[in-house]
Amino acid sequence: MAIGRTLKTTLKKIVSALKDFAGQQCWKPDEYKILFQISKKWGFVSVFFIVKDFGELDSHEMWERVWKSLENSTLTEQDRVYTIRLSVRDWKQMREGGIYSIPLGFIDQEELLAVPSVVD
């Protein structure tokens, strides 16, 4: 999948914001995972953030904290050309599978950002 420079920059900013959030939670890099699914046709970037655990928070409270972290990040209006859809799961939910499993079509952020960008 070829992605434009603008979209790639946006994805990098999302990754940076989520890594900063993970750092604030004292999670190590192997305690969270960031996955993306991009739909150019429908204009959205789906982000699947799998985290160590929610601690004392429920899943909705954790989602709100992660979302606020994204909102307070360096994303600009130009970065928001695509609608950002965020899902947050913990490892326990992932092991349960079913509705909590990783949907088809999601790509690990490292793999996606390794793809050369093209001119927008």
N, C-alpha and C. Protein backbone atom coordinates (compact mmCIF):
# COMPACT_ATOMS: atom_id res chain seq x y z
N MET A 1 0.84 -1.18 0.00
CA MET A 1 0.00 0.00 0.00
C MET A 1 0.88 1.24 0.00
N ALA A 2 0.70 2.09 -0.96
CA ALA A 2 1.43 3.36 -1.01
C ALA A 2 0.63 4.40 -0.24
N ILE A 3 1.33 5.19 0.55
CA ILE A 3 0.64 6.26 1.28
C ILE A 3 1.35 7.58 0.98
N GLY A 4 0.56 8.63 0.95
CA GLY A 4 1.10 9.95 0.67
C GLY A 4 1.90 10.49 1.85
N ARG A 5 2.72 11.47 1.55
CA ARG A 5 3.55 12.07 2.60
C ARG A 5 2.72 12.70 3.72
N THR A 6 1.64 13.38 3.34
CA THR A 6 0.80 14.02 4.36
C THR A 6 0.21 12.98 5.30
N LEU A 7 -0.33 11.91 4.75
CA LEU A 7 -0.90 10.85 5.57
C LEU A 7 0.17 10.19 6.42
N LYS A 8 1.33 9.96 5.86
CA LYS A 8 2.42 9.34 6.62
C LYS A 8 2.84 10.23 7.80
N THR A 9 2.89 11.53 7.57
CA THR A 9 3.22 12.47 8.64
C THR A 9 2.16 12.40 9.74
N THR A 10 0.90 12.34 9.34
CA THR A 10 -0.20 12.23 10.31
C THR A 10 -0.06 10.95 11.12
N LEU A 11 0.21 9.84 10.45
CA LEU A 11 0.37 8.56 11.15
C LEU A 11 1.52 8.62 12.15
N LYS A 12 2.61 9.26 11.76
CA LYS A 12 3.75 9.40 12.67
C LYS A 12 3.37 10.21 13.90
N LYS A 13 2.58 11.26 13.71
CA LYS A 13 2.15 12.09 14.84
C LYS A 13 1.23 11.30 15.77
N ILE A 14 0.36 10.48 15.20
CA ILE A 14 -0.52 9.64 16.02
C ILE A 14 0.32 8.65 16.83
N VAL A 15 1.28 8.01 16.17
CA VAL A 15 2.17 7.06 16.85
C VAL A 15 2.92 7.76 17.98
N SER A 16 3.44 8.94 17.69
CA SER A 16 4.19 9.69 18.71
C SER A 16 3.30 10.00 19.92
N ALA A 17 2.08 10.45 19.67
CA ALA A 17 1.15 10.78 20.76
C ALA A 17 0.83 9.53 21.59
N LEU A 18 0.62 8.40 20.92
CA LEU A 18 0.29 7.18 21.65
C LEU A 18 1.50 6.65 22.43
N LYS A 19 2.68 6.79 21.86
CA LYS A 19 3.89 6.38 22.59
C LYS A 19 4.11 7.29 23.80
N ASP A 20 3.85 8.57 23.64
CA ASP A 20 3.95 9.49 24.78
C ASP A 20 2.97 9.10 25.87
N PHE A 21 1.74 8.77 25.47
CA PHE A 21 0.74 8.34 26.44
C PHE A 21 1.20 7.07 27.15
N ALA A 22 1.71 6.12 26.40
CA ALA A 22 2.20 4.87 26.99
C ALA A 22 3.33 5.14 27.97
N GLY A 23 4.21 6.07 27.63
CA GLY A 23 5.30 6.44 28.52
C GLY A 23 4.78 7.04 29.82
N GLN A 24 3.72 7.85 29.73
CA GLN A 24 3.12 8.44 30.93
C GLN A 24 2.52 7.36 31.84
N GLN A 25 2.11 6.24 31.23
CA GLN A 25 1.56 5.12 32.00
C GLN A 25 2.66 4.19 32.50
N CYS A 26 3.91 4.50 32.15
CA CYS A 26 5.07 3.67 32.49
C CYS A 26 5.03 2.30 31.82
N TRP A 27 4.42 2.25 30.62
CA TRP A 27 4.40 1.00 29.85
C TRP A 27 5.66 0.94 29.01
N LYS A 28 6.25 -0.22 28.95
CA LYS A 28 7.41 -0.47 28.10
C LYS A 28 6.92 -0.73 26.68
N PRO A 29 7.80 -0.57 25.68
CA PRO A 29 7.37 -0.78 24.29
C PRO A 29 6.73 -2.14 24.01
N ASP A 30 7.09 -3.17 24.76
CA ASP A 30 6.47 -4.48 24.51
C ASP A 30 5.14 -4.65 25.26
N GLU A 31 4.67 -3.59 25.92
CA GLU A 31 3.42 -3.65 26.67
C GLU A 31 2.27 -2.93 25.97
N TYR A 32 2.50 -2.50 24.74
CA TYR A 32 1.43 -1.91 23.95
C TYR A 32 1.72 -2.13 22.47
N LYS A 33 0.69 -2.00 21.67
CA LYS A 33 0.81 -2.22 20.23
C LYS A 33 -0.09 -1.20 19.53
N ILE A 34 0.39 -0.67 18.42
CA ILE A 34 -0.37 0.32 17.64
C ILE A 34 -0.57 -0.25 16.24
N LEU A 35 -1.82 -0.36 15.84
CA LEU A 35 -2.17 -0.89 14.52
C LEU A 35 -3.03 0.13 13.79
N PHE A 36 -2.94 0.12 12.46
CA PHE A 36 -3.72 1.04 11.64
C PHE A 36 -4.47 0.30 10.55
N GLN A 37 -5.59 0.89 10.17
CA GLN A 37 -6.30 0.52 8.95
C GLN A 37 -6.70 1.83 8.28
N ILE A 38 -6.39 1.96 7.01
CA ILE A 38 -6.65 3.22 6.30
C ILE A 38 -7.67 2.98 5.20
N SER A 39 -8.64 3.83 5.13
CA SER A 39 -9.61 3.79 4.04
C SER A 39 -9.58 5.14 3.34
N LYS A 40 -8.88 5.20 2.22
CA LYS A 40 -8.83 6.44 1.45
C LYS A 40 -10.21 6.73 0.86
N LYS A 41 -10.90 5.68 0.45
CA LYS A 41 -12.23 5.83 -0.15
C LYS A 41 -13.21 6.51 0.80
N TRP A 42 -13.21 6.08 2.06
CA TRP A 42 -14.15 6.61 3.04
C TRP A 42 -13.55 7.71 3.90
N GLY A 43 -12.25 7.96 3.77
CA GLY A 43 -11.62 9.08 4.45
C GLY A 43 -11.40 8.88 5.94
N PHE A 44 -11.02 7.68 6.34
CA PHE A 44 -10.75 7.49 7.76
C PHE A 44 -9.49 6.67 7.99
N VAL A 45 -8.92 6.91 9.17
CA VAL A 45 -7.79 6.14 9.67
C VAL A 45 -8.28 5.50 10.97
N SER A 46 -8.33 4.18 10.99
CA SER A 46 -8.70 3.47 12.20
C SER A 46 -7.42 3.12 12.96
N VAL A 47 -7.43 3.41 14.25
CA VAL A 47 -6.29 3.16 15.12
C VAL A 47 -6.72 2.13 16.16
N PHE A 48 -5.96 1.07 16.26
CA PHE A 48 -6.21 0.02 17.24
C PHE A 48 -5.04 0.06 18.21
N PHE A 49 -5.31 0.47 19.44
CA PHE A 49 -4.27 0.64 20.46
C PHE A 49 -4.49 -0.45 21.51
N ILE A 50 -3.58 -1.39 21.57
CA ILE A 50 -3.68 -2.49 22.51
C ILE A 50 -2.68 -2.21 23.63
N VAL A 51 -3.18 -2.17 24.87
CA VAL A 51 -2.37 -1.74 26.00
C VAL A 51 -2.25 -2.84 27.05
N LYS A 52 -1.27 -2.66 27.92
CA LYS A 52 -0.99 -3.63 28.98
C LYS A 52 -2.25 -3.93 29.80
N ASP A 53 -2.82 -2.91 30.39
CA ASP A 53 -4.05 -3.05 31.16
C ASP A 53 -4.64 -1.67 31.41
N PHE A 54 -5.86 -1.65 31.88
CA PHE A 54 -6.54 -0.39 32.14
C PHE A 54 -6.36 0.09 33.58
N GLY A 55 -5.63 -0.68 34.37
CA GLY A 55 -5.45 -0.30 35.77
C GLY A 55 -6.80 -0.26 36.47
N GLU A 56 -7.07 0.83 37.14
CA GLU A 56 -8.33 1.00 37.87
C GLU A 56 -9.46 1.55 36.99
N LEU A 57 -9.16 1.83 35.74
CA LEU A 57 -10.15 2.43 34.83
C LEU A 57 -10.94 1.37 34.10
N ASP A 58 -12.16 1.73 33.69
CA ASP A 58 -12.88 0.83 32.79
C ASP A 58 -12.47 1.17 31.36
N SER A 59 -12.93 0.37 30.42
CA SER A 59 -12.48 0.56 29.03
C SER A 59 -12.88 1.92 28.47
N HIS A 60 -14.05 2.44 28.86
CA HIS A 60 -14.48 3.75 28.35
C HIS A 60 -13.61 4.87 28.91
N GLU A 61 -13.28 4.79 30.18
CA GLU A 61 -12.43 5.82 30.80
C GLU A 61 -11.03 5.81 30.17
N MET A 62 -10.51 4.62 29.90
CA MET A 62 -9.19 4.54 29.26
C MET A 62 -9.27 5.12 27.85
N TRP A 63 -10.35 4.78 27.12
CA TRP A 63 -10.51 5.32 25.77
C TRP A 63 -10.51 6.84 25.83
N GLU A 64 -11.25 7.43 26.77
CA GLU A 64 -11.31 8.89 26.89
C GLU A 64 -9.93 9.49 27.14
N ARG A 65 -9.15 8.87 27.99
CA ARG A 65 -7.81 9.39 28.28
C ARG A 65 -6.92 9.32 27.04
N VAL A 66 -7.00 8.21 26.33
CA VAL A 66 -6.18 8.08 25.11
C VAL A 66 -6.63 9.10 24.08
N TRP A 67 -7.94 9.26 23.92
CA TRP A 67 -8.47 10.23 22.95
C TRP A 67 -8.04 11.65 23.29
N LYS A 68 -8.10 12.01 24.56
CA LYS A 68 -7.66 13.35 24.97
C LYS A 68 -6.18 13.55 24.68
N SER A 69 -5.41 12.50 24.85
CA SER A 69 -3.99 12.57 24.54
C SER A 69 -3.78 12.85 23.04
N LEU A 70 -4.58 12.19 22.21
CA LEU A 70 -4.51 12.46 20.77
C LEU A 70 -4.94 13.89 20.46
N GLU A 71 -6.03 14.33 21.07
CA GLU A 71 -6.51 15.69 20.82
C GLU A 71 -5.50 16.74 21.24
N ASN A 72 -4.74 16.47 22.29
CA ASN A 72 -3.76 17.43 22.79
C ASN A 72 -2.39 17.29 22.14
N SER A 73 -2.29 16.40 21.18
CA SER A 73 -1.00 16.17 20.51
C SER A 73 -0.75 17.24 19.45
N THR A 74 0.24 17.02 18.65
CA THR A 74 0.65 18.00 17.64
C THR A 74 -0.13 17.86 16.33
N LEU A 75 -1.24 17.11 16.34
CA LEU A 75 -2.05 17.00 15.13
C LEU A 75 -2.63 18.36 14.77
N THR A 76 -2.51 18.72 13.51
CA THR A 76 -3.02 20.00 13.02
C THR A 76 -4.29 19.74 12.20
N GLU A 77 -4.93 20.80 11.77
CA GLU A 77 -6.12 20.65 10.91
C GLU A 77 -5.76 19.91 9.63
N GLN A 78 -4.57 20.18 9.10
CA GLN A 78 -4.14 19.48 7.88
C GLN A 78 -4.03 17.98 8.13
N ASP A 79 -3.61 17.59 9.36
CA ASP A 79 -3.49 16.18 9.69
C ASP A 79 -4.87 15.52 9.84
N ARG A 80 -5.88 16.33 10.07
CA ARG A 80 -7.21 15.79 10.33
C ARG A 80 -8.06 15.71 9.06
N VAL A 81 -7.41 15.63 7.91
CA VAL A 81 -8.13 15.43 6.66
C VAL A 81 -8.90 14.11 6.74
N TYR A 82 -8.28 13.12 7.36
CA TYR A 82 -8.93 11.84 7.59
C TYR A 82 -9.58 11.84 8.97
N THR A 83 -10.74 11.21 9.07
CA THR A 83 -11.38 11.02 10.36
C THR A 83 -10.61 9.94 11.11
N ILE A 84 -10.31 10.19 12.37
CA ILE A 84 -9.57 9.21 13.17
C ILE A 84 -10.58 8.42 14.00
N ARG A 85 -10.53 7.09 13.83
CA ARG A 85 -11.37 6.18 14.62
C ARG A 85 -10.44 5.45 15.58
N LEU A 86 -10.75 5.51 16.86
CA LEU A 86 -9.88 4.93 17.87
C LEU A 86 -10.56 3.78 18.59
N SER A 87 -9.86 2.66 18.69
CA SER A 87 -10.28 1.53 19.53
C SER A 87 -9.15 1.25 20.50
N VAL A 88 -9.51 1.04 21.76
CA VAL A 88 -8.51 0.74 22.79
C VAL A 88 -8.92 -0.58 23.45
N ARG A 89 -7.99 -1.51 23.49
CA ARG A 89 -8.21 -2.82 24.12
C ARG A 89 -7.03 -3.10 25.05
N ASP A 90 -7.25 -3.99 26.01
CA ASP A 90 -6.12 -4.45 26.82
C ASP A 90 -5.81 -5.90 26.44
N TRP A 91 -4.65 -6.38 26.92
CA TRP A 91 -4.21 -7.72 26.55
C TRP A 91 -5.22 -8.78 26.98
N LYS A 92 -5.85 -8.58 28.13
CA LYS A 92 -6.83 -9.56 28.62
C LYS A 92 -7.99 -9.69 27.63
N GLN A 93 -8.51 -8.56 27.16
CA GLN A 93 -9.59 -8.60 26.17
C GLN A 93 -9.14 -9.30 24.89
N MET A 94 -7.92 -9.02 24.47
CA MET A 94 -7.42 -9.62 23.23
C MET A 94 -7.36 -11.15 23.36
N ARG A 95 -6.97 -11.63 24.53
CA ARG A 95 -6.91 -13.08 24.73
C ARG A 95 -8.31 -13.71 24.68
N GLU A 96 -9.34 -12.95 25.08
CA GLU A 96 -10.71 -13.45 25.03
C GLU A 96 -11.16 -13.66 23.59
N GLY A 97 -10.62 -12.87 22.67
CA GLY A 97 -10.99 -13.02 21.26
C GLY A 97 -12.39 -12.50 20.98
N GLY A 98 -13.02 -13.09 20.01
CA GLY A 98 -14.37 -12.67 19.62
C GLY A 98 -14.40 -11.21 19.21
N ILE A 99 -15.29 -10.45 19.82
CA ILE A 99 -15.43 -9.04 19.46
C ILE A 99 -14.20 -8.22 19.83
N TYR A 100 -13.35 -8.78 20.69
CA TYR A 100 -12.16 -8.05 21.13
C TYR A 100 -10.92 -8.37 20.29
N SER A 101 -11.05 -9.28 19.34
CA SER A 101 -9.89 -9.65 18.53
C SER A 101 -9.54 -8.53 17.54
N ILE A 102 -8.36 -8.63 16.97
CA ILE A 102 -7.92 -7.64 15.99
C ILE A 102 -8.65 -7.89 14.68
N PRO A 103 -9.40 -6.91 14.20
CA PRO A 103 -10.11 -7.09 12.93
C PRO A 103 -9.14 -7.25 11.76
N LEU A 104 -9.59 -7.94 10.74
CA LEU A 104 -8.78 -8.11 9.54
C LEU A 104 -8.45 -6.77 8.91
N GLY A 105 -7.29 -6.68 8.30
CA GLY A 105 -6.92 -5.48 7.59
C GLY A 105 -6.10 -4.48 8.38
N PHE A 106 -5.89 -4.72 9.67
CA PHE A 106 -5.08 -3.81 10.46
C PHE A 106 -3.60 -4.16 10.30
N ILE A 107 -2.77 -3.13 10.19
CA ILE A 107 -1.34 -3.29 9.95
C ILE A 107 -0.56 -2.65 11.10
N ASP A 108 0.45 -3.35 11.58
CA ASP A 108 1.30 -2.82 12.64
C ASP A 108 1.93 -1.51 12.17
N GLN A 109 1.99 -0.54 13.08
CA GLN A 109 2.51 0.78 12.72
C GLN A 109 3.91 0.74 12.17
N GLU A 110 4.76 -0.13 12.70
CA GLU A 110 6.15 -0.20 12.20
C GLU A 110 6.19 -0.66 10.74
N GLU A 111 5.36 -1.63 10.42
CA GLU A 111 5.30 -2.13 9.05
C GLU A 111 4.73 -1.08 8.10
N LEU A 112 3.67 -0.40 8.54
CA LEU A 112 3.04 0.60 7.70
C LEU A 112 3.96 1.80 7.45
N LEU A 113 4.63 2.27 8.50
CA LEU A 113 5.48 3.44 8.34
C LEU A 113 6.78 3.12 7.62
N ALA A 114 7.09 1.85 7.46
CA ALA A 114 8.28 1.46 6.69
C ALA A 114 8.03 1.55 5.18
N VAL A 115 6.76 1.62 4.78
CA VAL A 115 6.40 1.72 3.37
C VAL A 115 6.82 3.08 2.85
N PRO A 116 7.50 3.13 1.70
CA PRO A 116 7.89 4.44 1.15
C PRO A 116 6.66 5.29 0.86
N SER A 117 6.76 6.57 1.15
CA SER A 117 5.65 7.46 0.87
C SER A 117 5.74 7.95 -0.58
N VAL A 118 4.61 8.35 -1.08
CA VAL A 118 4.53 8.88 -2.45
C VAL A 118 4.10 10.34 -2.36
N VAL A 119 4.27 11.05 -3.45
CA VAL A 119 3.85 12.44 -3.51
C VAL A 119 2.32 12.48 -3.41
N ASP A 120 1.81 13.41 -2.59
CA ASP A 120 0.35 13.54 -2.42
C ASP A 120 -0.31 14.02 -3.69
